[in-house]
N, C-alpha and C. Protein backbone atom coordinates (compact mmCIF):
# COMPACT_ATOMS: atom_id res chain seq x y z
N MET A 1 -141.84 143.13 -74.21
CA MET A 1 -140.51 143.00 -73.74
C MET A 1 -140.63 143.46 -72.22
N ASN A 2 -139.80 143.01 -71.47
CA ASN A 2 -139.89 143.43 -70.07
C ASN A 2 -139.61 144.74 -69.74
N HIS A 3 -140.32 145.60 -68.94
CA HIS A 3 -139.91 146.84 -68.39
C HIS A 3 -138.34 146.57 -67.68
N PRO A 4 -137.49 147.72 -67.94
CA PRO A 4 -136.09 147.31 -67.52
C PRO A 4 -136.02 146.98 -65.90
N ALA A 5 -137.02 147.96 -64.87
CA ALA A 5 -137.07 147.45 -63.74
C ALA A 5 -137.31 146.11 -63.29
N ARG A 6 -138.47 145.64 -63.94
CA ARG A 6 -138.86 144.25 -63.81
C ARG A 6 -137.43 143.23 -64.28
N ARG A 7 -136.83 143.56 -65.47
CA ARG A 7 -135.92 142.87 -65.80
C ARG A 7 -134.83 142.68 -64.68
N GLU A 8 -134.87 143.75 -64.04
CA GLU A 8 -133.61 143.90 -62.86
C GLU A 8 -134.18 142.99 -61.72
N LEU A 9 -135.15 142.93 -61.37
CA LEU A 9 -135.87 142.29 -60.48
C LEU A 9 -135.72 140.55 -60.86
N ASP A 10 -135.93 140.50 -62.02
CA ASP A 10 -135.62 138.84 -62.41
C ASP A 10 -134.24 138.54 -62.36
N GLU A 11 -133.35 139.61 -62.80
CA GLU A 11 -131.97 139.11 -62.76
C GLU A 11 -131.50 139.22 -61.31
N ALA A 12 -132.15 139.75 -60.41
CA ALA A 12 -131.83 139.67 -58.91
C ALA A 12 -132.17 138.34 -58.57
N ILE A 13 -133.24 137.86 -58.81
CA ILE A 13 -133.75 136.70 -58.38
C ILE A 13 -132.76 135.50 -58.88
N LEU A 14 -132.45 135.60 -60.04
CA LEU A 14 -131.63 134.82 -60.80
C LEU A 14 -130.04 134.73 -60.07
N GLY A 15 -129.68 136.09 -59.81
CA GLY A 15 -128.33 136.08 -59.11
C GLY A 15 -128.53 135.66 -57.86
N ALA A 16 -129.60 135.75 -56.86
CA ALA A 16 -129.74 135.20 -55.60
C ALA A 16 -129.68 133.49 -55.73
N PHE A 17 -130.55 133.05 -56.73
CA PHE A 17 -130.40 131.63 -56.83
C PHE A 17 -129.17 131.11 -57.06
N LYS A 18 -128.24 131.83 -57.99
CA LYS A 18 -126.97 131.08 -58.09
C LYS A 18 -126.16 131.40 -57.15
N ARG A 19 -126.22 132.25 -56.20
CA ARG A 19 -125.42 132.48 -54.97
C ARG A 19 -125.57 131.50 -53.92
N ALA A 20 -127.02 131.04 -53.91
CA ALA A 20 -127.18 130.06 -53.01
C ALA A 20 -126.74 128.70 -53.59
N ILE A 21 -126.66 128.67 -54.77
CA ILE A 21 -126.25 127.21 -55.30
C ILE A 21 -124.54 127.32 -55.13
N GLU A 22 -124.07 128.41 -55.32
CA GLU A 22 -122.60 128.43 -55.14
C GLU A 22 -122.20 128.26 -53.79
N PHE A 23 -123.06 128.54 -52.73
CA PHE A 23 -122.83 128.41 -51.36
C PHE A 23 -122.93 126.97 -50.77
N LEU A 24 -123.87 126.23 -51.63
CA LEU A 24 -124.25 124.96 -51.32
C LEU A 24 -122.96 124.08 -50.99
N PRO A 25 -122.00 123.86 -51.78
CA PRO A 25 -120.88 122.99 -51.35
C PRO A 25 -120.35 123.11 -50.03
N ASP A 26 -119.88 124.50 -49.65
CA ASP A 26 -119.18 124.70 -48.21
C ASP A 26 -120.52 124.22 -47.23
N GLU A 27 -121.71 124.62 -47.33
CA GLU A 27 -122.74 124.37 -46.44
C GLU A 27 -122.90 122.91 -46.30
N LEU A 28 -122.84 121.98 -47.33
CA LEU A 28 -123.04 120.76 -47.29
C LEU A 28 -122.23 120.15 -46.43
N ALA A 29 -120.96 120.63 -46.58
CA ALA A 29 -119.79 119.91 -45.68
C ALA A 29 -120.00 119.79 -44.22
N VAL A 30 -120.83 120.92 -43.72
CA VAL A 30 -121.34 120.92 -42.44
C VAL A 30 -122.59 120.26 -42.20
N MET A 31 -123.72 120.46 -43.16
CA MET A 31 -125.02 120.09 -42.80
C MET A 31 -125.48 119.40 -44.26
N PRO A 32 -125.39 118.06 -44.24
CA PRO A 32 -125.71 117.23 -45.45
C PRO A 32 -127.28 117.45 -45.91
N LEU A 33 -127.20 117.42 -47.63
CA LEU A 33 -128.41 117.60 -48.04
C LEU A 33 -129.81 117.02 -47.66
N SER A 34 -129.46 115.79 -46.97
CA SER A 34 -130.52 114.89 -46.26
C SER A 34 -131.11 115.65 -45.35
N ARG A 35 -130.44 116.45 -44.47
CA ARG A 35 -131.20 117.22 -43.61
C ARG A 35 -132.02 118.53 -43.95
N TRP A 36 -131.83 118.79 -45.37
CA TRP A 36 -132.41 120.03 -45.95
C TRP A 36 -133.87 119.86 -46.21
N THR A 37 -134.36 120.78 -46.19
CA THR A 37 -135.96 120.93 -46.76
C THR A 37 -136.07 122.02 -47.65
N GLU A 38 -137.20 122.28 -48.26
CA GLU A 38 -137.36 123.22 -49.32
C GLU A 38 -137.26 124.67 -48.43
N SER A 39 -137.58 124.75 -47.30
CA SER A 39 -137.60 125.89 -46.38
C SER A 39 -136.24 126.39 -46.27
N VAL A 40 -135.30 125.45 -46.00
CA VAL A 40 -134.07 125.78 -46.05
C VAL A 40 -133.43 126.53 -47.22
N LEU A 41 -133.62 125.85 -48.29
CA LEU A 41 -133.17 126.27 -49.48
C LEU A 41 -133.72 127.73 -49.82
N ARG A 42 -134.95 127.90 -49.55
CA ARG A 42 -135.82 129.09 -49.57
C ARG A 42 -135.19 130.28 -48.77
N TYR A 43 -134.50 129.84 -47.47
CA TYR A 43 -134.00 130.71 -46.34
C TYR A 43 -132.65 131.38 -47.22
N TYR A 44 -131.82 130.42 -47.66
CA TYR A 44 -130.51 131.05 -48.42
C TYR A 44 -131.02 131.82 -49.59
N PHE A 45 -131.92 131.28 -50.17
CA PHE A 45 -132.40 132.22 -51.22
C PHE A 45 -132.57 133.65 -50.97
N CYS A 46 -133.53 133.74 -49.69
CA CYS A 46 -134.02 135.06 -49.25
C CYS A 46 -132.88 135.75 -48.72
N ARG A 47 -132.03 135.31 -48.27
CA ARG A 47 -130.73 135.68 -47.55
C ARG A 47 -130.23 136.46 -48.50
N PHE A 48 -129.77 135.71 -49.79
CA PHE A 48 -128.77 136.37 -50.67
C PHE A 48 -129.68 137.35 -51.53
N LEU A 49 -130.85 137.15 -51.79
CA LEU A 49 -131.80 138.35 -52.37
C LEU A 49 -131.77 139.59 -51.66
N ALA A 50 -132.12 139.38 -50.11
CA ALA A 50 -132.09 140.78 -49.39
C ALA A 50 -130.85 141.31 -49.13
N ALA A 51 -129.62 140.71 -49.35
CA ALA A 51 -128.27 141.30 -49.12
C ALA A 51 -128.21 142.17 -50.41
N ALA A 52 -128.78 141.63 -51.81
CA ALA A 52 -128.36 142.25 -52.92
C ALA A 52 -129.31 143.32 -53.38
N VAL A 53 -130.64 143.29 -53.00
CA VAL A 53 -131.53 144.23 -53.00
C VAL A 53 -132.31 144.81 -51.68
N ARG A 54 -131.80 145.91 -51.25
CA ARG A 54 -132.13 146.30 -49.87
C ARG A 54 -133.79 146.39 -49.78
N ASP A 55 -134.46 147.03 -50.75
CA ASP A 55 -135.68 147.44 -50.62
C ASP A 55 -136.83 146.35 -50.82
N VAL A 56 -136.21 145.02 -51.23
CA VAL A 56 -137.21 144.01 -51.70
C VAL A 56 -137.89 143.53 -50.33
N LYS A 57 -139.21 143.33 -50.50
CA LYS A 57 -139.86 142.69 -49.49
C LYS A 57 -140.26 141.08 -49.82
N LEU A 58 -140.16 140.12 -48.82
CA LEU A 58 -140.19 138.85 -49.06
C LEU A 58 -141.37 138.34 -48.27
N PHE A 59 -142.33 137.61 -49.01
CA PHE A 59 -143.45 137.03 -48.06
C PHE A 59 -143.38 135.68 -48.32
N VAL A 60 -143.27 134.81 -47.26
CA VAL A 60 -143.28 133.36 -47.40
C VAL A 60 -144.69 132.79 -47.21
N GLU A 61 -144.77 131.70 -47.81
CA GLU A 61 -146.08 130.80 -47.65
C GLU A 61 -147.40 132.02 -47.89
N CYS A 62 -147.36 132.47 -48.96
CA CYS A 62 -148.36 133.79 -49.10
C CYS A 62 -149.49 133.12 -50.09
N ASP A 63 -150.49 132.83 -49.62
CA ASP A 63 -151.68 132.20 -50.62
C ASP A 63 -151.16 131.06 -51.33
N THR A 64 -150.63 129.77 -50.54
CA THR A 64 -149.94 128.69 -51.21
C THR A 64 -148.75 129.17 -52.14
N ILE A 65 -148.41 130.15 -52.08
CA ILE A 65 -147.01 130.28 -52.90
C ILE A 65 -145.92 130.32 -52.19
N ASP A 66 -144.88 129.58 -52.32
CA ASP A 66 -143.74 129.45 -51.32
C ASP A 66 -142.99 130.82 -51.10
N LEU A 67 -142.92 131.57 -52.06
CA LEU A 67 -142.27 132.95 -51.74
C LEU A 67 -142.80 133.98 -52.71
N VAL A 68 -143.31 135.20 -52.38
CA VAL A 68 -143.78 136.24 -52.98
C VAL A 68 -142.58 137.44 -52.87
N VAL A 69 -141.72 137.67 -53.97
CA VAL A 69 -140.91 138.80 -53.77
C VAL A 69 -141.44 139.87 -54.54
N ALA A 70 -141.51 141.29 -53.74
CA ALA A 70 -142.14 142.31 -54.17
C ALA A 70 -141.05 143.26 -54.19
N LEU A 71 -140.96 144.20 -55.11
CA LEU A 71 -140.22 145.42 -55.16
C LEU A 71 -141.08 146.30 -56.03
N PRO A 72 -142.16 147.12 -55.49
CA PRO A 72 -143.24 147.66 -56.06
C PRO A 72 -142.85 148.87 -57.16
N PRO A 73 -143.27 148.58 -58.30
CA PRO A 73 -144.63 147.83 -58.43
C PRO A 73 -144.30 146.38 -59.15
N TYR A 74 -143.30 145.98 -58.88
CA TYR A 74 -143.08 144.51 -59.70
C TYR A 74 -143.18 143.53 -58.49
N ARG A 75 -143.50 142.16 -59.07
CA ARG A 75 -143.61 140.98 -58.07
C ARG A 75 -143.14 139.78 -58.59
N ALA A 76 -142.89 138.76 -57.98
CA ALA A 76 -142.44 137.44 -58.48
C ALA A 76 -142.82 136.72 -57.51
N PHE A 77 -143.41 135.54 -58.02
CA PHE A 77 -143.91 134.23 -57.37
C PHE A 77 -142.78 133.17 -57.69
N VAL A 78 -142.32 132.66 -56.34
CA VAL A 78 -141.08 131.59 -56.53
C VAL A 78 -141.49 130.44 -55.89
N GLU A 79 -141.80 129.27 -56.50
CA GLU A 79 -141.68 127.92 -55.90
C GLU A 79 -140.67 127.29 -56.01
N PHE A 80 -140.37 127.02 -54.79
CA PHE A 80 -139.08 125.83 -54.45
C PHE A 80 -139.28 124.35 -54.53
N LYS A 81 -138.52 123.61 -55.14
CA LYS A 81 -138.75 122.26 -55.22
C LYS A 81 -137.32 121.50 -54.88
N LEU A 82 -137.12 120.97 -53.93
CA LEU A 82 -135.90 120.10 -53.49
C LEU A 82 -136.25 118.76 -53.45
N TYR A 83 -135.63 117.86 -54.02
CA TYR A 83 -135.50 116.32 -54.13
C TYR A 83 -134.45 115.62 -53.85
N GLY A 84 -134.66 114.63 -53.07
CA GLY A 84 -133.39 113.87 -52.99
C GLY A 84 -134.00 112.60 -52.73
N HIS A 85 -133.08 111.53 -52.32
CA HIS A 85 -133.38 110.13 -51.90
C HIS A 85 -133.41 109.99 -50.31
N PRO A 86 -134.35 110.45 -49.80
CA PRO A 86 -134.44 110.44 -48.24
C PRO A 86 -134.41 109.01 -47.53
N ARG A 87 -133.55 108.78 -46.63
CA ARG A 87 -133.37 107.52 -46.03
C ARG A 87 -134.24 107.40 -44.82
N ARG A 88 -134.76 106.37 -44.35
CA ARG A 88 -135.51 106.16 -43.30
C ARG A 88 -134.49 105.61 -42.34
N PHE A 89 -134.49 105.98 -41.14
CA PHE A 89 -133.73 105.29 -39.98
C PHE A 89 -134.31 104.84 -38.89
N ASN A 90 -134.06 103.69 -38.19
CA ASN A 90 -134.46 103.36 -36.84
C ASN A 90 -134.18 104.37 -35.97
N PRO A 91 -135.21 104.88 -35.18
CA PRO A 91 -134.91 105.81 -34.17
C PRO A 91 -133.97 105.35 -32.95
N TYR A 92 -133.85 104.06 -32.69
CA TYR A 92 -133.39 103.54 -31.35
C TYR A 92 -131.84 103.16 -31.86
N THR A 93 -131.64 102.62 -33.17
CA THR A 93 -130.22 102.22 -33.53
C THR A 93 -129.73 102.97 -34.56
N GLY A 94 -130.49 103.95 -35.09
CA GLY A 94 -129.75 104.74 -36.21
C GLY A 94 -129.58 103.96 -37.35
N GLU A 95 -129.82 102.78 -37.45
CA GLU A 95 -129.46 101.89 -38.75
C GLU A 95 -130.62 102.24 -39.68
N GLN A 96 -129.84 102.54 -41.05
CA GLN A 96 -130.75 102.60 -42.14
C GLN A 96 -131.91 101.59 -42.68
N CYS A 97 -133.30 101.87 -42.69
CA CYS A 97 -134.19 100.79 -42.97
C CYS A 97 -134.97 101.42 -44.12
N GLY A 98 -134.19 101.59 -45.51
CA GLY A 98 -135.13 101.92 -46.50
C GLY A 98 -135.07 103.36 -46.89
N TYR A 99 -135.79 103.66 -47.88
CA TYR A 99 -135.92 104.98 -48.42
C TYR A 99 -137.37 105.32 -48.27
N LYS A 100 -137.52 106.64 -48.12
CA LYS A 100 -139.05 107.12 -48.14
C LYS A 100 -138.99 108.05 -49.32
N GLY A 101 -139.91 107.71 -50.31
CA GLY A 101 -139.97 108.49 -51.63
C GLY A 101 -138.80 108.45 -52.40
N GLY A 102 -138.75 109.37 -53.59
CA GLY A 102 -137.90 109.42 -54.45
C GLY A 102 -138.31 109.56 -55.65
N PRO A 103 -137.58 109.35 -56.80
CA PRO A 103 -138.02 109.71 -58.41
C PRO A 103 -139.19 108.79 -58.40
N SER A 104 -140.38 109.31 -59.00
CA SER A 104 -141.57 108.54 -59.36
C SER A 104 -142.58 109.34 -60.19
N SER A 105 -143.39 108.60 -60.68
CA SER A 105 -144.38 109.25 -61.43
C SER A 105 -145.17 110.12 -60.81
N GLN A 106 -145.56 109.89 -59.50
CA GLN A 106 -146.28 110.60 -58.64
C GLN A 106 -145.56 112.01 -58.39
N ASN A 107 -144.14 111.93 -58.11
CA ASN A 107 -143.40 113.15 -57.80
C ASN A 107 -143.39 113.99 -59.03
N LEU A 108 -143.47 113.52 -60.13
CA LEU A 108 -143.46 114.32 -61.44
C LEU A 108 -144.92 114.98 -61.68
N ARG A 109 -145.96 114.31 -61.23
CA ARG A 109 -147.12 114.84 -61.29
C ARG A 109 -147.19 116.04 -60.42
N GLU A 110 -146.67 115.90 -59.16
CA GLU A 110 -146.61 116.86 -58.07
C GLU A 110 -145.94 118.07 -58.60
N PHE A 111 -144.73 117.93 -59.19
CA PHE A 111 -144.13 119.01 -59.77
C PHE A 111 -144.88 119.88 -60.93
N GLN A 112 -145.47 118.82 -61.69
CA GLN A 112 -146.42 119.62 -62.73
C GLN A 112 -147.57 120.34 -62.15
N LYS A 113 -148.03 119.84 -61.29
CA LYS A 113 -149.22 120.35 -60.55
C LYS A 113 -148.68 121.87 -60.07
N CYS A 114 -147.51 121.96 -59.56
CA CYS A 114 -147.15 123.15 -59.05
C CYS A 114 -146.71 124.24 -60.19
N VAL A 115 -146.29 123.75 -61.43
CA VAL A 115 -146.07 124.65 -62.55
C VAL A 115 -147.47 124.86 -63.05
N ASP A 116 -148.62 124.19 -63.24
CA ASP A 116 -149.76 124.35 -63.57
C ASP A 116 -150.50 125.22 -62.74
N ASP A 117 -150.17 125.28 -61.37
CA ASP A 117 -150.87 126.39 -60.30
C ASP A 117 -150.39 127.62 -60.72
N LEU A 118 -148.88 127.64 -61.03
CA LEU A 118 -148.36 129.16 -61.22
C LEU A 118 -148.98 129.67 -62.70
N VAL A 119 -149.24 128.86 -63.62
CA VAL A 119 -149.51 129.03 -65.07
C VAL A 119 -151.02 129.76 -64.69
N ALA A 120 -151.80 128.86 -63.88
CA ALA A 120 -153.28 129.39 -63.67
C ALA A 120 -153.35 130.72 -62.95
N ARG A 121 -152.21 131.18 -62.17
CA ARG A 121 -152.37 132.38 -61.61
C ARG A 121 -152.29 133.67 -62.60
N THR A 122 -153.42 134.54 -62.52
CA THR A 122 -153.38 135.69 -63.37
C THR A 122 -151.92 136.37 -63.72
N ALA A 123 -151.69 136.38 -65.12
CA ALA A 123 -150.58 137.17 -65.58
C ALA A 123 -151.03 138.73 -65.44
N ALA A 124 -149.81 139.28 -65.31
CA ALA A 124 -149.73 140.82 -65.18
C ALA A 124 -148.31 141.21 -65.73
N PRO A 125 -148.27 142.49 -66.16
CA PRO A 125 -147.14 142.87 -66.96
C PRO A 125 -145.87 143.26 -65.85
N ASN A 126 -146.59 143.46 -64.50
CA ASN A 126 -145.44 143.60 -63.58
C ASN A 126 -145.16 142.06 -62.71
N LEU A 127 -145.51 140.87 -63.01
CA LEU A 127 -145.34 139.67 -62.36
C LEU A 127 -144.65 138.76 -63.34
N SER A 128 -143.58 138.19 -62.70
CA SER A 128 -142.87 136.94 -63.15
C SER A 128 -143.21 135.88 -62.07
N LYS A 129 -143.04 134.69 -62.73
CA LYS A 129 -143.19 133.50 -62.06
C LYS A 129 -142.18 132.42 -62.17
N PHE A 130 -141.68 131.99 -61.25
CA PHE A 130 -140.26 130.89 -61.23
C PHE A 130 -140.44 129.86 -60.43
N VAL A 131 -139.83 128.65 -60.96
CA VAL A 131 -139.58 127.52 -60.14
C VAL A 131 -138.08 127.22 -59.92
N ALA A 132 -137.70 127.38 -58.69
CA ALA A 132 -136.31 126.79 -58.32
C ALA A 132 -136.18 125.47 -57.87
N LEU A 133 -135.37 124.81 -58.70
CA LEU A 133 -135.61 123.28 -58.80
C LEU A 133 -134.15 122.84 -58.35
N VAL A 134 -134.15 122.05 -57.08
CA VAL A 134 -132.68 121.45 -56.64
C VAL A 134 -133.06 119.93 -56.61
N TYR A 135 -132.12 119.01 -57.23
CA TYR A 135 -132.41 117.74 -57.09
C TYR A 135 -131.16 116.87 -56.83
N ALA A 136 -131.04 115.92 -56.03
CA ALA A 136 -129.84 115.02 -55.94
C ALA A 136 -130.20 113.77 -56.10
N ASP A 137 -129.16 113.12 -57.06
CA ASP A 137 -129.20 111.57 -57.28
C ASP A 137 -127.84 111.18 -56.56
N PRO A 138 -128.02 109.76 -56.19
CA PRO A 138 -127.01 109.07 -55.68
C PRO A 138 -125.69 109.17 -56.72
N ALA A 139 -124.44 109.07 -56.36
CA ALA A 139 -123.34 109.25 -57.23
C ALA A 139 -123.28 108.02 -58.05
N GLU A 140 -123.65 106.90 -57.31
CA GLU A 140 -123.84 105.30 -58.04
C GLU A 140 -125.06 105.10 -57.93
N VAL A 141 -125.91 104.59 -58.97
CA VAL A 141 -127.22 104.07 -58.95
C VAL A 141 -127.19 102.68 -59.22
N SER A 142 -128.02 102.00 -58.70
CA SER A 142 -128.19 100.51 -59.14
C SER A 142 -128.82 100.53 -60.33
N ARG A 143 -128.47 99.49 -61.26
CA ARG A 143 -129.19 99.26 -62.68
C ARG A 143 -130.50 99.29 -62.44
N GLY A 144 -131.18 99.95 -63.11
CA GLY A 144 -132.74 99.95 -63.40
C GLY A 144 -133.41 100.82 -62.51
N LYS A 145 -132.65 101.35 -61.38
CA LYS A 145 -133.15 102.31 -60.23
C LYS A 145 -133.39 103.70 -60.99
N ARG A 146 -134.62 104.37 -60.72
CA ARG A 146 -134.81 105.51 -61.30
C ARG A 146 -134.10 106.80 -60.72
N ARG A 147 -133.63 107.84 -61.43
CA ARG A 147 -132.97 109.01 -60.96
C ARG A 147 -133.99 110.29 -61.39
N TYR A 148 -133.72 111.19 -60.38
CA TYR A 148 -134.65 112.39 -60.77
C TYR A 148 -133.95 113.09 -62.04
N SER A 149 -132.63 112.75 -62.41
CA SER A 149 -132.32 113.49 -63.78
C SER A 149 -133.06 113.08 -65.22
N ASP A 150 -133.70 111.59 -64.96
CA ASP A 150 -134.47 111.11 -65.99
C ASP A 150 -135.53 111.95 -66.18
N ASN A 151 -136.35 112.52 -65.15
CA ASN A 151 -137.55 113.45 -65.21
C ASN A 151 -137.29 114.77 -65.29
N TYR A 152 -136.00 115.36 -64.50
CA TYR A 152 -136.01 116.70 -64.39
C TYR A 152 -134.90 117.61 -65.20
N ASP A 153 -134.03 116.61 -66.14
CA ASP A 153 -133.27 117.44 -66.70
C ASP A 153 -134.04 118.25 -67.65
N ALA A 154 -133.50 119.79 -67.87
CA ALA A 154 -134.49 120.73 -68.61
C ALA A 154 -135.05 120.19 -69.74
N HIS A 155 -134.51 119.55 -70.55
CA HIS A 155 -135.04 119.24 -72.05
C HIS A 155 -136.11 118.38 -71.67
N HIS A 156 -136.38 117.65 -70.58
CA HIS A 156 -137.62 116.78 -70.46
C HIS A 156 -138.77 117.72 -69.98
N LEU A 157 -138.39 118.89 -69.51
CA LEU A 157 -139.47 119.57 -68.81
C LEU A 157 -140.24 120.72 -69.72
N ILE A 158 -139.39 121.13 -70.84
CA ILE A 158 -139.96 122.18 -71.61
C ILE A 158 -141.08 121.83 -72.46
N GLN A 159 -142.14 122.55 -72.49
CA GLN A 159 -143.57 122.25 -73.03
C GLN A 159 -144.39 123.61 -73.27
N ASP A 160 -144.47 123.57 -74.82
CA ASP A 160 -145.23 124.68 -75.23
C ASP A 160 -144.87 125.97 -74.57
N GLY A 161 -143.58 126.25 -74.31
CA GLY A 161 -143.27 127.67 -73.76
C GLY A 161 -143.79 127.95 -72.22
N VAL A 162 -144.40 126.90 -71.70
CA VAL A 162 -144.70 127.15 -70.36
C VAL A 162 -143.58 127.15 -69.35
N LEU A 163 -142.84 126.32 -69.70
CA LEU A 163 -141.60 126.17 -68.47
C LEU A 163 -140.26 126.58 -69.19
N LEU A 164 -139.86 127.70 -69.03
CA LEU A 164 -138.62 128.19 -69.48
C LEU A 164 -137.40 128.15 -68.92
N PRO A 165 -136.21 127.43 -69.41
CA PRO A 165 -135.03 127.30 -68.60
C PRO A 165 -134.34 128.82 -68.52
N VAL A 166 -134.06 129.10 -67.37
CA VAL A 166 -133.38 130.48 -67.34
C VAL A 166 -131.72 130.24 -66.85
N TRP A 167 -131.42 129.07 -65.99
CA TRP A 167 -130.12 128.85 -65.59
C TRP A 167 -130.18 127.18 -65.06
N SER A 168 -129.02 126.69 -65.34
CA SER A 168 -128.54 125.41 -65.01
C SER A 168 -127.13 125.44 -64.20
N SER A 169 -127.18 124.69 -63.22
CA SER A 169 -125.77 124.66 -62.51
C SER A 169 -125.07 123.62 -63.02
N GLU A 170 -123.62 123.46 -63.04
CA GLU A 170 -122.92 122.41 -63.25
C GLU A 170 -123.11 121.30 -62.24
N PRO A 171 -123.12 120.13 -62.50
CA PRO A 171 -123.25 119.19 -61.62
C PRO A 171 -122.33 119.35 -60.14
N ILE A 172 -123.01 119.14 -59.01
CA ILE A 172 -122.17 119.34 -57.84
C ILE A 172 -122.28 117.95 -57.21
N ALA A 173 -120.92 117.63 -56.68
CA ALA A 173 -120.59 116.35 -56.11
C ALA A 173 -120.51 116.69 -54.49
N ALA A 174 -121.30 115.96 -53.75
CA ALA A 174 -121.32 115.86 -52.36
C ALA A 174 -122.11 115.11 -51.82
N ASP A 175 -121.43 114.64 -50.53
CA ASP A 175 -122.19 113.68 -49.89
C ASP A 175 -122.84 112.32 -50.56
N ASN A 176 -122.00 111.65 -51.40
CA ASN A 176 -122.11 110.60 -52.28
C ASN A 176 -123.25 110.80 -53.00
N ALA A 177 -123.39 112.03 -53.46
CA ALA A 177 -124.60 112.28 -54.52
C ALA A 177 -124.21 113.51 -55.62
N ILE A 178 -124.86 113.54 -56.66
CA ILE A 178 -124.62 114.44 -57.58
C ILE A 178 -125.89 115.36 -57.61
N ILE A 179 -125.70 116.68 -57.42
CA ILE A 179 -126.65 117.62 -57.15
C ILE A 179 -126.76 118.45 -58.33
N ALA A 180 -127.99 118.75 -58.93
CA ALA A 180 -128.43 119.64 -60.04
C ALA A 180 -129.06 120.62 -59.50
N ALA A 181 -128.85 121.91 -60.00
CA ALA A 181 -130.02 123.14 -59.64
C ALA A 181 -130.34 123.72 -61.05
N ARG A 182 -131.75 124.06 -61.11
CA ARG A 182 -132.21 124.76 -62.28
C ARG A 182 -133.32 125.76 -61.73
N LEU A 183 -133.08 127.10 -62.36
CA LEU A 183 -134.24 128.06 -62.55
C LEU A 183 -135.06 128.13 -63.48
N PHE A 184 -136.38 127.93 -63.70
CA PHE A 184 -137.27 128.02 -64.80
C PHE A 184 -138.25 129.46 -64.50
N GLN A 185 -138.37 129.97 -65.63
CA GLN A 185 -139.38 131.01 -65.49
C GLN A 185 -140.80 130.27 -66.23
N VAL A 186 -141.81 130.65 -65.55
CA VAL A 186 -142.96 129.99 -65.88
C VAL A 186 -143.81 131.25 -66.58
N GLY A 187 -144.58 130.58 -67.91
CA GLY A 187 -145.32 131.70 -68.49
C GLY A 187 -146.52 130.84 -69.03
N ASP A 188 -147.31 131.36 -70.05
CA ASP A 188 -148.19 130.73 -70.57
C ASP A 188 -148.23 131.17 -72.03
N ALA A 189 -147.89 130.47 -72.75
CA ALA A 189 -147.81 130.71 -74.29
C ALA A 189 -149.01 130.81 -74.99
N ARG A 190 -150.19 130.45 -74.23
CA ARG A 190 -151.50 130.73 -74.78
C ARG A 190 -152.06 132.11 -74.63
N GLN A 191 -151.46 132.68 -73.42
CA GLN A 191 -151.91 134.01 -73.09
C GLN A 191 -151.06 135.22 -74.00
N GLU A 192 -151.74 136.04 -74.79
CA GLU A 192 -151.00 136.94 -75.82
C GLU A 192 -150.18 137.85 -74.57
N GLY A 193 -148.95 138.09 -75.13
CA GLY A 193 -148.09 138.93 -74.32
C GLY A 193 -147.71 138.27 -72.93
N GLY A 194 -147.70 137.03 -72.74
CA GLY A 194 -147.49 136.33 -71.46
C GLY A 194 -146.43 136.83 -70.75
N ASN A 195 -146.23 136.54 -69.59
CA ASN A 195 -145.18 137.17 -68.63
C ASN A 195 -143.83 136.65 -68.66
N HIS A 196 -143.24 135.93 -69.90
CA HIS A 196 -142.11 135.52 -69.80
C HIS A 196 -141.12 136.26 -71.04
N ASP A 197 -141.83 137.23 -71.84
CA ASP A 197 -141.27 137.84 -72.88
C ASP A 197 -139.97 138.30 -72.50
């Protein structure tokens, strides 16, 4: 069972992620998701977490972890994944000239590697590990075209207690896209007393 103070940190992380996602629709009216990166998502998360928990310390890009959240003696590692259907544009005319990246088996392997890397980090009673996932699929997709939701809907990702769903947003319609947000806690069911109890 989690120590109450650690549970409070985990709940603060969940609260900050929820607030960042609730803030998203208004922000997208000004700055479309196509201009966002994982760093922008992380910024809003950090902003809401710091406002809620004054003593929290936030370390970005720390030993290849996107974000280390510290409220001694408790810590959390948070990885951010933001997926869209980014378009390529001609720099001289501004005309669209295809897409760069998108849903694929390579994309799914990279996500799985992120989870595996978190699992491989030493578990400790005062440590939580999370993946904050946000993805956008076009509101209308051509027949046969892959969608992120095909790979990243929560029921597709849960495996042997390693990736545990904490929260999922309602679909968010914005910028001709449907956006989904999910927060997962990462544990290792093979380790006795894993960090997700």
